[in-house]
Amino acid sequence: MLSERIQQDLVAAMRAREELRLSTLRMAKAALKNREIEKRRALDETEAQQVLASQIKQRQDSIAQFQQGGRQDLADKEQAEIVILESYLPRQLSPDEMAAVVDAVIAETGAQTARELGAVMKAAMSRFQQQGARVDGKQLSELVRRRLGG
């Protein structure tokens, strides 16, 4: 399970005195625990991955802010944290791989207009989850919108 793996790696980072890895894993563990408290139950694997994906998204937003503020040192730290967190998630699909799945889903659903965006998005996300792949919802939405001519 993901949270158990994070705990084991956290202990290993503590022993190896890897400060960045240790602090990143502590934040990830806290975020997972907070979500468990919200849900009042243990998280399944998909929910745990969603928590880590949101942590990555937060760091990407922080990188943009730090770069605008001229703090490249902090942006680099956030980027290093993203690399650590991504190691616990399925691989991110490339734009070409995403496009191939979106084209297949559009063909299967027979969608032709932007009004059918929701149905295509739902089917595509389901397909990605079945494959155990990770996609950025915003990128996927933009891709589907372009394919449907919206």
Protein backbone atom coordinates (compact mmCIF):
# COMPACT_ATOMS: atom_id res chain seq x y z
CA MET A 1 0.00 0.00 0.00
CA LEU A 2 1.18 3.51 -0.80
CA SER A 3 1.05 4.94 2.73
CA GLU A 4 3.01 1.97 4.08
CA ARG A 5 5.66 2.43 1.39
CA ILE A 6 5.93 6.13 2.26
CA GLN A 7 6.34 5.25 5.95
CA GLN A 8 9.14 2.77 5.18
CA ASP A 9 10.90 5.27 2.93
CA LEU A 10 10.47 7.97 5.57
CA VAL A 11 12.32 5.80 8.11
CA ALA A 12 15.04 5.05 5.55
CA ALA A 13 15.43 8.77 4.77
CA MET A 14 15.69 9.50 8.47
CA ARG A 15 18.47 6.94 8.88
CA ALA A 16 20.29 8.21 5.78
CA ARG A 17 19.85 11.83 6.93
CA GLU A 18 18.29 12.87 3.61
CA GLU A 19 16.67 16.11 4.74
CA LEU A 20 14.78 16.98 1.55
CA ARG A 21 13.38 13.48 1.10
CA LEU A 22 12.48 13.31 4.79
CA SER A 23 10.60 16.60 4.84
CA THR A 24 8.80 15.79 1.57
CA LEU A 25 7.68 12.40 2.81
CA ARG A 26 6.55 13.88 6.13
CA MET A 27 4.37 16.39 4.27
CA ALA A 28 2.98 13.63 2.05
CA LYS A 29 2.23 11.43 5.05
CA ALA A 30 0.48 14.32 6.80
CA ALA A 31 -1.63 15.04 3.71
CA LEU A 32 -2.63 11.38 3.48
CA LYS A 33 -3.51 11.31 7.18
CA ASN A 34 -5.57 14.49 6.86
CA ARG A 35 -7.56 13.00 3.99
CA GLU A 36 -8.14 9.83 6.03
CA ILE A 37 -9.46 11.96 8.88
CA GLU A 38 -11.75 13.85 6.47
CA LYS A 39 -13.13 10.59 5.06
CA ARG A 40 -13.18 8.88 8.47
CA ARG A 41 -11.72 5.71 6.96
CA ALA A 42 -8.52 4.40 5.42
CA LEU A 43 -7.83 5.55 1.88
CA ASP A 44 -7.77 3.12 -1.00
CA GLU A 45 -4.85 3.17 -3.43
CA THR A 46 -6.58 5.48 -5.94
CA GLU A 47 -7.52 8.02 -3.27
CA ALA A 48 -3.97 8.00 -1.91
CA GLN A 49 -2.62 8.62 -5.41
CA GLN A 50 -5.05 11.53 -5.82
CA VAL A 51 -3.71 13.09 -2.61
CA LEU A 52 -0.13 12.85 -3.89
CA ALA A 53 -1.18 14.20 -7.28
CA SER A 54 -2.72 17.22 -5.57
CA GLN A 55 0.51 17.71 -3.61
CA ILE A 56 2.40 17.74 -6.90
CA LYS A 57 -0.06 20.25 -8.37
CA GLN A 58 0.40 22.53 -5.35
CA ARG A 59 4.15 22.42 -5.82
CA GLN A 60 3.84 23.21 -9.53
CA ASP A 61 1.76 26.27 -8.62
CA SER A 62 4.39 27.26 -6.05
CA ILE A 63 7.16 26.95 -8.64
CA ALA A 64 5.38 29.44 -10.89
CA GLN A 65 4.98 31.86 -7.99
CA PHE A 66 8.59 31.52 -6.87
CA GLN A 67 9.88 32.07 -10.41
CA GLN A 68 7.77 35.21 -10.76
CA GLY A 69 9.18 36.42 -7.46
CA GLY A 70 12.75 35.74 -8.56
CA ARG A 71 13.31 32.95 -6.02
CA GLN A 72 14.84 30.24 -8.20
CA ASP A 73 16.33 28.54 -5.13
CA LEU A 74 12.85 27.85 -3.74
CA ALA A 75 11.54 26.85 -7.16
CA ASP A 76 14.37 24.30 -7.45
CA LYS A 77 13.50 22.89 -4.02
CA GLU A 78 9.84 22.49 -5.02
CA GLN A 79 10.92 20.77 -8.26
CA ALA A 80 13.06 18.32 -6.30
CA GLU A 81 10.05 17.56 -4.07
CA ILE A 82 7.92 16.90 -7.17
CA VAL A 83 10.47 14.34 -8.37
CA ILE A 84 10.30 12.56 -5.01
CA LEU A 85 6.48 12.51 -4.97
CA GLU A 86 6.22 11.37 -8.59
CA SER A 87 8.20 8.25 -7.73
CA TYR A 88 5.15 7.04 -5.77
CA LEU A 89 2.68 7.53 -8.62
CA PRO A 90 2.07 5.75 -11.90
CA ARG A 91 3.92 7.31 -14.80
CA GLN A 92 2.50 10.43 -16.43
CA LEU A 93 1.34 9.79 -19.99
CA SER A 94 2.90 11.76 -22.82
CA PRO A 95 0.70 14.07 -24.92
CA ASP A 96 0.88 11.58 -27.82
CA GLU A 97 -0.28 8.71 -25.62
CA MET A 98 -3.11 10.85 -24.26
CA ALA A 99 -4.14 11.87 -27.78
CA ALA A 100 -4.32 8.26 -28.93
CA VAL A 101 -6.65 7.33 -26.07
CA VAL A 102 -8.79 10.45 -26.57
CA ASP A 103 -9.15 9.70 -30.29
CA ALA A 104 -10.21 6.13 -29.50
CA VAL A 105 -12.74 7.31 -26.90
CA ILE A 106 -14.20 9.90 -29.29
CA ALA A 107 -14.56 7.22 -31.96
CA GLU A 108 -16.24 4.84 -29.49
CA THR A 109 -18.65 7.42 -28.08
CA GLY A 110 -19.38 9.00 -31.45
CA ALA A 111 -18.90 12.46 -29.92
CA GLN A 112 -18.74 15.27 -32.48
CA THR A 113 -19.38 18.54 -30.66
CA ALA A 114 -18.03 20.34 -27.62
CA ARG A 115 -21.35 19.66 -25.87
CA GLU A 116 -20.27 16.04 -25.51
CA LEU A 117 -17.05 17.00 -23.72
CA GLY A 118 -18.24 15.63 -20.37
CA ALA A 119 -19.00 12.18 -21.73
CA VAL A 120 -15.64 11.97 -23.49
CA MET A 121 -13.77 13.20 -20.39
CA LYS A 122 -15.51 10.66 -18.16
CA ALA A 123 -14.79 7.77 -20.53
CA ALA A 124 -11.17 8.87 -21.05
CA MET A 125 -10.48 9.24 -17.33
CA SER A 126 -11.98 5.81 -16.74
CA ARG A 127 -9.74 4.33 -19.43
CA PHE A 128 -6.65 5.98 -17.92
CA GLN A 129 -7.49 4.64 -14.46
CA GLN A 130 -7.93 1.13 -15.88
CA GLN A 131 -4.49 1.42 -17.47
CA GLY A 132 -3.04 2.60 -14.17
CA ALA A 133 -1.80 5.76 -15.88
CA ARG A 134 -1.80 9.29 -14.57
CA VAL A 135 -2.93 12.31 -16.58
CA ASP A 136 -3.31 15.99 -15.88
CA GLY A 137 -7.03 16.75 -16.02
CA LYS A 138 -6.45 20.25 -17.35
CA GLN A 139 -4.30 19.00 -20.23
CA LEU A 140 -6.82 16.28 -20.97
CA SER A 141 -9.68 18.77 -21.03
CA GLU A 142 -7.81 21.05 -23.44
CA LEU A 143 -6.97 18.11 -25.69
CA VAL A 144 -10.58 16.87 -25.80
CA ARG A 145 -11.81 20.42 -26.44
CA ARG A 146 -9.44 20.77 -29.42
CA ARG A 147 -10.42 17.37 -30.81
CA LEU A 148 -14.13 18.22 -30.58
CA GLY A 149 -13.58 21.62 -32.17
CA GLY A 150 -14.57 23.62 -29.09
